[in-house]
Amino acid sequence: MKKSYLFLADGFEEIEALTVVDIMRRAEMPLMTLSINDKLTVTGAHGIPVVADALAQDIAIDEVEWIILPGGMPGMTNLAASRHLCNLVKNHAEAGLPTAAICASPSILGMLGLLNGRRATCYPGFEHNLEGAIIVNERVVVDENITTSNGPSSATAFALSIVEQSCGADKAQEVAAGMLL
């Protein structure tokens, strides 16, 4: 199984990022957290410091399964400000590869033109950034290779959707059962 990457910027939503990391690792999916900063420690929106596995600038991003963008403010705007990350996301998604964003971060996909004609969701109030999307009010929306989710309370469902898409429904159910869901 190819490695997946979850990108962290200062101001990320801790629940969204760490829930995804936890659930994917429970499913034994290779996942690395990458800081887009010049340091490994990234501070979340609620002041919780998290040490990323590596700096994005130090990793050759190839042979990737998932690219995942947690939300949070100003995490989303900090991610969106990274030209390098935006180029990676755009190329990855346009190649038909699995791309996921939660909360405010589907805005990045919209701003990159990746949601045209696709169903998508986001945190309420960010819909104007989902350029060209068919906006739906659901917790998790999968449209071909793009997965979006609406916010912190949906982080578990979002992560389990990623597991199900890569490893199958049985694996997602096994992970959920192990968490007493």
N, C-alpha and C. Protein backbone atom coordinates (compact mmCIF):
# COMPACT_ATOMS: atom_id res chain seq x y z
N MET A 1 0.84 -1.18 0.00
CA MET A 1 0.00 0.00 0.00
C MET A 1 0.89 1.24 0.00
N LYS A 2 0.53 2.21 -0.82
CA LYS A 2 1.30 3.44 -0.90
C LYS A 2 1.09 4.28 0.36
N LYS A 3 2.07 5.15 0.61
CA LYS A 3 2.01 6.05 1.75
C LYS A 3 1.03 7.19 1.46
N SER A 4 0.39 7.67 2.49
CA SER A 4 -0.47 8.85 2.40
C SER A 4 0.14 9.95 3.24
N TYR A 5 -0.26 11.19 2.92
CA TYR A 5 0.28 12.35 3.62
C TYR A 5 -0.85 13.24 4.11
N LEU A 6 -0.75 13.65 5.37
CA LEU A 6 -1.65 14.63 5.95
C LEU A 6 -0.80 15.86 6.26
N PHE A 7 -1.21 17.00 5.69
CA PHE A 7 -0.43 18.22 5.80
C PHE A 7 -0.91 19.09 6.96
N LEU A 8 0.06 19.60 7.72
CA LEU A 8 -0.23 20.42 8.88
C LEU A 8 0.34 21.83 8.71
N ALA A 9 -0.48 22.81 9.06
CA ALA A 9 -0.05 24.21 9.10
C ALA A 9 -0.52 24.78 10.42
N ASP A 10 0.16 25.78 10.93
CA ASP A 10 -0.28 26.41 12.17
C ASP A 10 -1.74 26.81 12.05
N GLY A 11 -2.50 26.51 13.10
CA GLY A 11 -3.92 26.81 13.12
C GLY A 11 -4.81 25.68 12.63
N PHE A 12 -4.24 24.48 12.45
CA PHE A 12 -5.04 23.33 12.01
C PHE A 12 -6.00 22.92 13.11
N GLU A 13 -7.11 22.30 12.73
CA GLU A 13 -8.09 21.80 13.70
C GLU A 13 -7.58 20.46 14.22
N GLU A 14 -7.24 20.42 15.50
CA GLU A 14 -6.62 19.24 16.10
C GLU A 14 -7.46 17.98 15.95
N ILE A 15 -8.75 18.05 16.23
CA ILE A 15 -9.61 16.86 16.15
C ILE A 15 -9.59 16.28 14.74
N GLU A 16 -9.68 17.14 13.75
CA GLU A 16 -9.74 16.67 12.36
C GLU A 16 -8.44 16.00 11.94
N ALA A 17 -7.33 16.58 12.31
CA ALA A 17 -6.04 16.01 11.90
C ALA A 17 -5.73 14.73 12.67
N LEU A 18 -5.82 14.79 13.99
CA LEU A 18 -5.37 13.65 14.79
C LEU A 18 -6.34 12.48 14.74
N THR A 19 -7.61 12.72 14.56
CA THR A 19 -8.56 11.62 14.38
C THR A 19 -8.23 10.84 13.11
N VAL A 20 -7.94 11.55 12.04
CA VAL A 20 -7.61 10.89 10.78
C VAL A 20 -6.32 10.09 10.94
N VAL A 21 -5.30 10.69 11.56
CA VAL A 21 -4.03 9.98 11.77
C VAL A 21 -4.27 8.72 12.59
N ASP A 22 -4.99 8.84 13.70
CA ASP A 22 -5.25 7.70 14.58
C ASP A 22 -5.98 6.58 13.85
N ILE A 23 -7.06 6.91 13.16
CA ILE A 23 -7.87 5.88 12.50
C ILE A 23 -7.13 5.23 11.34
N MET A 24 -6.41 6.02 10.55
CA MET A 24 -5.66 5.41 9.44
C MET A 24 -4.56 4.49 9.97
N ARG A 25 -3.92 4.88 11.03
CA ARG A 25 -2.86 4.03 11.60
C ARG A 25 -3.46 2.78 12.25
N ARG A 26 -4.64 2.88 12.86
CA ARG A 26 -5.32 1.69 13.37
C ARG A 26 -5.61 0.71 12.23
N ALA A 27 -5.89 1.26 11.06
CA ALA A 27 -6.17 0.43 9.87
C ALA A 27 -4.89 -0.04 9.20
N GLU A 28 -3.74 0.32 9.79
CA GLU A 28 -2.42 -0.05 9.28
C GLU A 28 -2.17 0.52 7.89
N MET A 29 -2.71 1.72 7.65
CA MET A 29 -2.43 2.43 6.41
C MET A 29 -1.20 3.31 6.63
N PRO A 30 -0.20 3.20 5.78
CA PRO A 30 0.99 4.04 5.94
C PRO A 30 0.62 5.52 5.77
N LEU A 31 0.86 6.31 6.80
CA LEU A 31 0.50 7.72 6.79
C LEU A 31 1.57 8.52 7.49
N MET A 32 1.97 9.62 6.88
CA MET A 32 2.91 10.55 7.51
C MET A 32 2.25 11.90 7.63
N THR A 33 2.53 12.57 8.75
CA THR A 33 2.12 13.96 8.89
C THR A 33 3.29 14.82 8.45
N LEU A 34 2.97 15.82 7.64
CA LEU A 34 4.01 16.69 7.11
C LEU A 34 3.71 18.14 7.47
N SER A 35 4.69 18.80 8.06
CA SER A 35 4.58 20.22 8.38
C SER A 35 4.93 21.03 7.14
N ILE A 36 4.08 22.01 6.82
CA ILE A 36 4.45 22.91 5.71
C ILE A 36 5.31 24.05 6.21
N ASN A 37 5.52 24.11 7.53
CA ASN A 37 6.38 25.13 8.12
C ASN A 37 7.84 24.72 7.97
N ASP A 38 8.74 25.53 8.51
CA ASP A 38 10.15 25.17 8.49
C ASP A 38 10.59 24.49 9.78
N LYS A 39 9.59 24.06 10.57
CA LYS A 39 9.88 23.33 11.81
C LYS A 39 8.87 22.20 11.96
N LEU A 40 9.25 21.17 12.70
CA LEU A 40 8.38 20.00 12.86
C LEU A 40 7.19 20.27 13.78
N THR A 41 7.34 21.11 14.78
CA THR A 41 6.24 21.38 15.70
C THR A 41 5.28 22.37 15.07
N VAL A 42 4.03 21.94 14.98
CA VAL A 42 2.97 22.76 14.40
C VAL A 42 1.92 22.96 15.49
N THR A 43 1.46 24.19 15.65
CA THR A 43 0.51 24.49 16.72
C THR A 43 -0.90 24.57 16.15
N GLY A 44 -1.80 23.79 16.76
CA GLY A 44 -3.17 23.74 16.30
C GLY A 44 -3.97 24.98 16.67
N ALA A 45 -5.19 25.05 16.18
CA ALA A 45 -6.07 26.19 16.38
C ALA A 45 -6.39 26.43 17.86
N HIS A 46 -6.27 25.38 18.67
CA HIS A 46 -6.58 25.50 20.10
C HIS A 46 -5.32 25.45 20.96
N GLY A 47 -4.19 25.78 20.34
CA GLY A 47 -2.94 25.91 21.07
C GLY A 47 -2.23 24.61 21.40
N ILE A 48 -2.65 23.51 20.79
CA ILE A 48 -2.01 22.22 21.07
C ILE A 48 -0.86 22.00 20.08
N PRO A 49 0.37 21.90 20.57
CA PRO A 49 1.50 21.65 19.68
C PRO A 49 1.55 20.17 19.28
N VAL A 50 1.79 19.92 18.02
CA VAL A 50 1.90 18.56 17.50
C VAL A 50 3.21 18.48 16.71
N VAL A 51 3.95 17.40 16.92
CA VAL A 51 5.20 17.21 16.19
C VAL A 51 4.92 16.36 14.95
N ALA A 52 5.11 16.96 13.79
CA ALA A 52 4.91 16.26 12.52
C ALA A 52 6.01 15.22 12.32
N ASP A 53 5.72 14.25 11.47
CA ASP A 53 6.71 13.21 11.16
C ASP A 53 7.88 13.75 10.36
N ALA A 54 7.61 14.75 9.52
CA ALA A 54 8.67 15.30 8.66
C ALA A 54 8.23 16.67 8.15
N LEU A 55 9.17 17.39 7.57
CA LEU A 55 8.88 18.65 6.90
C LEU A 55 8.48 18.34 5.46
N ALA A 56 7.43 18.96 4.98
CA ALA A 56 6.98 18.71 3.61
C ALA A 56 8.09 18.99 2.60
N GLN A 57 8.88 20.01 2.86
CA GLN A 57 9.94 20.38 1.92
C GLN A 57 11.04 19.32 1.83
N ASP A 58 11.13 18.42 2.81
CA ASP A 58 12.19 17.40 2.82
C ASP A 58 11.75 16.07 2.23
N ILE A 59 10.49 15.95 1.83
CA ILE A 59 9.94 14.67 1.36
C ILE A 59 9.66 14.74 -0.14
N ALA A 60 10.10 13.71 -0.85
CA ALA A 60 9.74 13.59 -2.27
C ALA A 60 8.32 13.04 -2.31
N ILE A 61 7.40 13.87 -2.74
CA ILE A 61 5.99 13.49 -2.74
C ILE A 61 5.69 12.78 -4.06
N ASP A 62 5.94 11.48 -4.07
CA ASP A 62 5.60 10.68 -5.25
C ASP A 62 5.11 9.32 -4.75
N GLU A 63 4.43 8.59 -5.60
CA GLU A 63 3.87 7.30 -5.19
C GLU A 63 3.00 7.46 -3.95
N VAL A 64 2.13 8.46 -3.99
CA VAL A 64 1.26 8.79 -2.86
C VAL A 64 -0.13 8.23 -3.10
N GLU A 65 -0.74 7.67 -2.04
CA GLU A 65 -2.13 7.28 -2.16
C GLU A 65 -3.01 8.49 -1.87
N TRP A 66 -3.11 8.89 -0.62
CA TRP A 66 -3.98 10.00 -0.23
C TRP A 66 -3.17 11.26 0.07
N ILE A 67 -3.73 12.41 -0.31
CA ILE A 67 -3.31 13.70 0.21
C ILE A 67 -4.51 14.20 1.01
N ILE A 68 -4.26 14.55 2.28
CA ILE A 68 -5.34 14.91 3.20
C ILE A 68 -5.06 16.28 3.81
N LEU A 69 -6.11 17.12 3.80
CA LEU A 69 -6.01 18.48 4.32
C LEU A 69 -7.00 18.67 5.47
N PRO A 70 -6.51 18.75 6.72
CA PRO A 70 -7.41 19.07 7.82
C PRO A 70 -7.83 20.53 7.73
N GLY A 71 -8.92 20.86 8.41
CA GLY A 71 -9.39 22.24 8.39
C GLY A 71 -8.85 23.02 9.57
N GLY A 72 -9.68 23.93 10.06
CA GLY A 72 -9.27 24.82 11.13
C GLY A 72 -8.86 26.16 10.56
N MET A 73 -8.99 27.16 11.41
CA MET A 73 -8.57 28.50 11.02
C MET A 73 -7.60 29.02 12.07
N PRO A 74 -6.49 29.60 11.62
CA PRO A 74 -6.14 29.91 10.24
C PRO A 74 -5.41 28.79 9.50
N GLY A 75 -5.56 27.56 9.97
CA GLY A 75 -4.87 26.45 9.30
C GLY A 75 -5.15 26.37 7.81
N MET A 76 -6.44 26.48 7.44
CA MET A 76 -6.79 26.39 6.02
C MET A 76 -6.12 27.50 5.23
N THR A 77 -6.16 28.72 5.73
CA THR A 77 -5.54 29.81 4.96
C THR A 77 -4.03 29.65 4.89
N ASN A 78 -3.43 29.08 5.93
CA ASN A 78 -1.99 28.83 5.90
C ASN A 78 -1.65 27.73 4.89
N LEU A 79 -2.47 26.68 4.83
CA LEU A 79 -2.26 25.65 3.81
C LEU A 79 -2.43 26.25 2.41
N ALA A 80 -3.49 27.03 2.23
CA ALA A 80 -3.79 27.62 0.92
C ALA A 80 -2.69 28.58 0.45
N ALA A 81 -1.97 29.16 1.40
CA ALA A 81 -0.90 30.10 1.05
C ALA A 81 0.36 29.41 0.55
N SER A 82 0.44 28.10 0.71
CA SER A 82 1.61 27.35 0.26
C SER A 82 1.45 26.98 -1.21
N ARG A 83 2.16 27.68 -2.06
CA ARG A 83 2.11 27.40 -3.50
C ARG A 83 2.54 25.97 -3.79
N HIS A 84 3.58 25.52 -3.08
CA HIS A 84 4.09 24.15 -3.25
C HIS A 84 2.99 23.13 -2.95
N LEU A 85 2.31 23.30 -1.81
CA LEU A 85 1.25 22.37 -1.45
C LEU A 85 0.11 22.44 -2.46
N CYS A 86 -0.30 23.63 -2.84
CA CYS A 86 -1.41 23.76 -3.79
C CYS A 86 -1.09 23.07 -5.12
N ASN A 87 0.14 23.19 -5.58
CA ASN A 87 0.55 22.49 -6.81
C ASN A 87 0.47 20.98 -6.63
N LEU A 88 0.93 20.49 -5.47
CA LEU A 88 0.86 19.05 -5.19
C LEU A 88 -0.58 18.56 -5.20
N VAL A 89 -1.45 19.29 -4.49
CA VAL A 89 -2.86 18.90 -4.40
C VAL A 89 -3.50 18.89 -5.78
N LYS A 90 -3.27 19.94 -6.54
CA LYS A 90 -3.89 20.06 -7.87
C LYS A 90 -3.44 18.92 -8.78
N ASN A 91 -2.14 18.68 -8.84
CA ASN A 91 -1.63 17.60 -9.69
C ASN A 91 -2.13 16.24 -9.26
N HIS A 92 -2.17 16.01 -7.95
CA HIS A 92 -2.63 14.73 -7.40
C HIS A 92 -4.10 14.49 -7.75
N ALA A 93 -4.94 15.47 -7.45
CA ALA A 93 -6.38 15.32 -7.70
C ALA A 93 -6.68 15.22 -9.19
N GLU A 94 -6.02 16.03 -10.00
CA GLU A 94 -6.27 15.99 -11.45
C GLU A 94 -5.82 14.67 -12.06
N ALA A 95 -4.91 13.97 -11.40
CA ALA A 95 -4.48 12.65 -11.87
C ALA A 95 -5.47 11.56 -11.45
N GLY A 96 -6.54 11.97 -10.77
CA GLY A 96 -7.56 11.01 -10.34
C GLY A 96 -7.20 10.27 -9.07
N LEU A 97 -6.24 10.78 -8.32
CA LEU A 97 -5.79 10.12 -7.09
C LEU A 97 -6.56 10.63 -5.88
N PRO A 98 -6.69 9.81 -4.84
CA PRO A 98 -7.51 10.16 -3.68
C PRO A 98 -7.03 11.41 -2.95
N THR A 99 -7.96 12.35 -2.83
CA THR A 99 -7.69 13.64 -2.20
C THR A 99 -8.83 13.93 -1.23
N ALA A 100 -8.49 14.34 -0.01
CA ALA A 100 -9.52 14.55 1.00
C ALA A 100 -9.28 15.86 1.74
N ALA A 101 -10.40 16.53 2.07
CA ALA A 101 -10.32 17.79 2.81
C ALA A 101 -11.55 17.89 3.71
N ILE A 102 -11.34 18.44 4.89
CA ILE A 102 -12.42 18.54 5.87
C ILE A 102 -12.53 19.97 6.40
N CYS A 103 -13.74 20.34 6.79
CA CYS A 103 -14.05 21.60 7.46
C CYS A 103 -13.90 22.78 6.50
N ALA A 104 -12.97 23.68 6.74
CA ALA A 104 -12.75 24.82 5.86
C ALA A 104 -11.89 24.44 4.66
N SER A 105 -11.14 23.35 4.74
CA SER A 105 -10.17 23.02 3.69
C SER A 105 -10.73 22.56 2.35
N PRO A 106 -11.99 22.11 2.24
CA PRO A 106 -12.51 21.93 0.88
C PRO A 106 -12.46 23.24 0.08
N SER A 107 -12.35 24.37 0.78
CA SER A 107 -12.17 25.67 0.12
C SER A 107 -10.95 25.65 -0.79
N ILE A 108 -9.89 25.00 -0.33
CA ILE A 108 -8.66 24.92 -1.13
C ILE A 108 -8.94 24.18 -2.43
N LEU A 109 -9.68 23.08 -2.34
CA LEU A 109 -10.02 22.32 -3.55
C LEU A 109 -10.86 23.17 -4.49
N GLY A 110 -11.78 23.94 -3.93
CA GLY A 110 -12.61 24.83 -4.74
C GLY A 110 -11.79 25.91 -5.41
N MET A 111 -10.89 26.53 -4.66
CA MET A 111 -10.06 27.59 -5.22
C MET A 111 -9.12 27.08 -6.31
N LEU A 112 -8.79 25.80 -6.24
CA LEU A 112 -7.91 25.19 -7.26
C LEU A 112 -8.71 24.68 -8.47
N GLY A 113 -10.03 24.85 -8.44
CA GLY A 113 -10.86 24.41 -9.56
C GLY A 113 -11.10 22.92 -9.62
N LEU A 114 -10.93 22.24 -8.49
CA LEU A 114 -11.03 20.78 -8.46
C LEU A 114 -12.45 20.27 -8.17
N LEU A 115 -13.37 21.17 -7.88
CA LEU A 115 -14.72 20.75 -7.49
C LEU A 115 -15.77 21.02 -8.56
N ASN A 116 -15.36 21.49 -9.72
CA ASN A 116 -16.31 21.81 -10.78
C ASN A 116 -17.19 20.61 -11.12
N GLY A 117 -18.51 20.79 -10.91
CA GLY A 117 -19.47 19.73 -11.23
C GLY A 117 -19.48 18.57 -10.25
N ARG A 118 -18.74 18.68 -9.17
CA ARG A 118 -18.67 17.60 -8.18
C ARG A 118 -19.49 17.95 -6.95
N ARG A 119 -20.01 16.91 -6.31
CA ARG A 119 -20.69 17.08 -5.03
C ARG A 119 -19.63 17.28 -3.95
N ALA A 120 -19.88 18.23 -3.04
CA ALA A 120 -18.92 18.50 -1.97
C ALA A 120 -19.63 19.15 -0.79
N THR A 121 -18.98 19.09 0.36
CA THR A 121 -19.48 19.74 1.57
C THR A 121 -18.32 20.45 2.24
N CYS A 122 -18.64 21.28 3.22
CA CYS A 122 -17.62 22.01 3.98
C CYS A 122 -18.25 22.55 5.25
N TYR A 123 -17.45 23.22 6.06
CA TYR A 123 -17.94 23.87 7.26
C TYR A 123 -18.89 25.00 6.85
N PRO A 124 -20.04 25.12 7.51
CA PRO A 124 -20.99 26.17 7.13
C PRO A 124 -20.33 27.56 7.11
N GLY A 125 -20.61 28.29 6.05
CA GLY A 125 -20.06 29.62 5.87
C GLY A 125 -18.90 29.67 4.89
N PHE A 126 -18.38 28.51 4.49
CA PHE A 126 -17.28 28.46 3.53
C PHE A 126 -17.74 28.02 2.14
N GLU A 127 -19.04 27.84 1.97
CA GLU A 127 -19.57 27.34 0.70
C GLU A 127 -19.17 28.21 -0.49
N HIS A 128 -19.04 29.52 -0.27
CA HIS A 128 -18.68 30.41 -1.37
C HIS A 128 -17.30 30.09 -1.97
N ASN A 129 -16.47 29.38 -1.23
CA ASN A 129 -15.15 29.00 -1.74
C ASN A 129 -15.17 27.71 -2.57
N LEU A 130 -16.28 27.00 -2.55
CA LEU A 130 -16.36 25.72 -3.28
C LEU A 130 -16.76 25.99 -4.74
N GLU A 131 -15.93 26.70 -5.43
CA GLU A 131 -16.20 27.15 -6.79
C GLU A 131 -16.59 26.00 -7.70
N GLY A 132 -17.78 26.11 -8.29
CA GLY A 132 -18.25 25.12 -9.26
C GLY A 132 -18.83 23.86 -8.65
N ALA A 133 -18.84 23.75 -7.34
CA ALA A 133 -19.30 22.52 -6.69
C ALA A 133 -20.82 22.47 -6.60
N ILE A 134 -21.32 21.25 -6.53
CA ILE A 134 -22.71 20.99 -6.17
C ILE A 134 -22.68 20.79 -4.66
N ILE A 135 -23.09 21.80 -3.92
CA ILE A 135 -22.95 21.78 -2.46
C ILE A 135 -24.07 20.96 -1.84
N VAL A 136 -23.67 20.00 -1.01
CA VAL A 136 -24.63 19.15 -0.32
C VAL A 136 -24.41 19.25 1.18
N ASN A 137 -25.48 19.18 1.93
CA ASN A 137 -25.41 19.27 3.38
C ASN A 137 -25.34 17.86 3.96
N GLU A 138 -24.15 17.26 3.87
CA GLU A 138 -23.90 15.93 4.41
C GLU A 138 -22.60 15.98 5.19
N ARG A 139 -22.42 15.01 6.09
CA ARG A 139 -21.22 14.97 6.92
C ARG A 139 -19.97 14.62 6.11
N VAL A 140 -20.10 13.63 5.24
CA VAL A 140 -18.98 13.20 4.39
C VAL A 140 -19.54 13.00 2.99
N VAL A 141 -18.82 13.52 2.01
CA VAL A 141 -19.25 13.39 0.62
C VAL A 141 -18.07 12.83 -0.19
N VAL A 142 -18.33 11.74 -0.90
CA VAL A 142 -17.33 11.15 -1.79
C VAL A 142 -17.83 11.33 -3.21
N ASP A 143 -17.03 11.98 -4.04
CA ASP A 143 -17.35 12.14 -5.45
C ASP A 143 -16.10 11.73 -6.23
N GLU A 144 -16.13 10.54 -6.77
CA GLU A 144 -14.98 9.94 -7.45
C GLU A 144 -13.79 9.95 -6.50
N ASN A 145 -12.70 10.65 -6.85
CA ASN A 145 -11.49 10.62 -6.04
C ASN A 145 -11.42 11.72 -4.98
N ILE A 146 -12.47 12.53 -4.89
CA ILE A 146 -12.47 13.65 -3.94
C ILE A 146 -13.42 13.34 -2.78
N THR A 147 -12.89 13.43 -1.55
CA THR A 147 -13.69 13.25 -0.34
C THR A 147 -13.65 14.54 0.45
N THR A 148 -14.84 15.03 0.81
CA THR A 148 -14.92 16.24 1.64
C THR A 148 -15.79 15.94 2.86
N SER A 149 -15.58 16.73 3.89
CA SER A 149 -16.35 16.55 5.12
C SER A 149 -16.59 17.91 5.75
N ASN A 150 -17.62 17.98 6.61
CA ASN A 150 -18.09 19.28 7.06
C ASN A 150 -17.49 19.82 8.36
N GLY A 151 -16.78 19.04 9.13
CA GLY A 151 -16.19 19.65 10.32
C GLY A 151 -15.82 18.68 11.42
N PRO A 152 -15.45 19.22 12.59
CA PRO A 152 -14.91 18.42 13.68
C PRO A 152 -15.76 17.22 14.08
N SER A 153 -17.08 17.39 14.15
CA SER A 153 -17.92 16.28 14.61
C SER A 153 -17.96 15.14 13.60
N SER A 154 -17.50 15.39 12.40
CA SER A 154 -17.51 14.38 11.34
C SER A 154 -16.14 13.75 11.10
N ALA A 155 -15.16 14.10 11.92
CA ALA A 155 -13.79 13.62 11.69
C ALA A 155 -13.69 12.10 11.70
N THR A 156 -14.42 11.44 12.59
CA THR A 156 -14.37 9.97 12.64
C THR A 156 -14.98 9.37 11.38
N ALA A 157 -16.13 9.86 10.97
CA ALA A 157 -16.78 9.36 9.75
C ALA A 157 -15.91 9.63 8.53
N PHE A 158 -15.27 10.78 8.48
CA PHE A 158 -14.35 11.17 7.40
C PHE A 158 -13.20 10.17 7.32
N ALA A 159 -12.56 9.91 8.46
CA ALA A 159 -11.42 9.00 8.49
C ALA A 159 -11.84 7.58 8.13
N LEU A 160 -12.97 7.13 8.64
CA LEU A 160 -13.44 5.78 8.30
C LEU A 160 -13.80 5.67 6.82
N SER A 161 -14.26 6.75 6.22
CA SER A 161 -14.53 6.75 4.79
C SER A 161 -13.24 6.56 4.00
N ILE A 162 -12.18 7.21 4.44
CA ILE A 162 -10.87 7.05 3.79
C ILE A 162 -10.42 5.59 3.90
N VAL A 163 -10.55 5.02 5.09
CA VAL A 163 -10.18 3.61 5.30
C VAL A 163 -11.01 2.71 4.40
N GLU A 164 -12.31 2.93 4.37
CA GLU A 164 -13.19 2.09 3.55
C GLU A 164 -12.82 2.17 2.07
N GLN A 165 -12.53 3.36 1.59
CA GLN A 165 -12.19 3.52 0.17
C GLN A 165 -10.90 2.79 -0.19
N SER A 166 -9.95 2.75 0.73
CA SER A 166 -8.66 2.12 0.45
C SER A 166 -8.59 0.65 0.83
N CYS A 167 -9.24 0.29 1.94
CA CYS A 167 -9.06 -1.05 2.51
C CYS A 167 -10.33 -1.89 2.51
N GLY A 168 -11.46 -1.28 2.13
CA GLY A 168 -12.72 -2.00 2.09
C GLY A 168 -13.57 -1.80 3.33
N ALA A 169 -14.85 -2.11 3.18
CA ALA A 169 -15.83 -1.91 4.25
C ALA A 169 -15.53 -2.78 5.46
N ASP A 170 -15.03 -4.00 5.25
CA ASP A 170 -14.74 -4.88 6.39
C ASP A 170 -13.67 -4.28 7.30
N LYS A 171 -12.62 -3.71 6.70
CA LYS A 171 -11.55 -3.10 7.50
C LYS A 171 -12.07 -1.87 8.24
N ALA A 172 -12.87 -1.06 7.57
CA ALA A 172 -13.44 0.12 8.23
C ALA A 172 -14.32 -0.29 9.40
N GLN A 173 -15.11 -1.34 9.22
CA GLN A 173 -15.97 -1.83 10.30
C GLN A 173 -15.15 -2.41 11.44
N GLU A 174 -14.07 -3.09 11.11
CA GLU A 174 -13.19 -3.65 12.14
C GLU A 174 -12.57 -2.53 12.99
N VAL A 175 -12.10 -1.48 12.33
CA VAL A 175 -11.51 -0.34 13.06
C VAL A 175 -12.59 0.32 13.92
N ALA A 176 -13.76 0.55 13.35
CA ALA A 176 -14.86 1.18 14.09
C ALA A 176 -15.24 0.34 15.31
N ALA A 177 -15.33 -0.98 15.14
CA ALA A 177 -15.69 -1.86 16.25
C ALA A 177 -14.63 -1.81 17.35
N GLY A 178 -13.37 -1.73 16.97
CA GLY A 178 -12.28 -1.64 17.94
C GLY A 178 -12.33 -0.35 18.74
N MET A 179 -13.01 0.66 18.18
CA MET A 179 -13.16 1.94 18.87
C MET A 179 -14.50 2.04 19.58
N LEU A 180 -15.27 0.92 19.56
CA LEU A 180 -16.59 0.84 20.19
C LEU A 180 -17.61 1.78 19.53
N LEU A 181 -17.47 1.96 18.24
CA LEU A 181 -18.46 2.78 17.51
C LEU A 181 -19.66 1.94 17.12
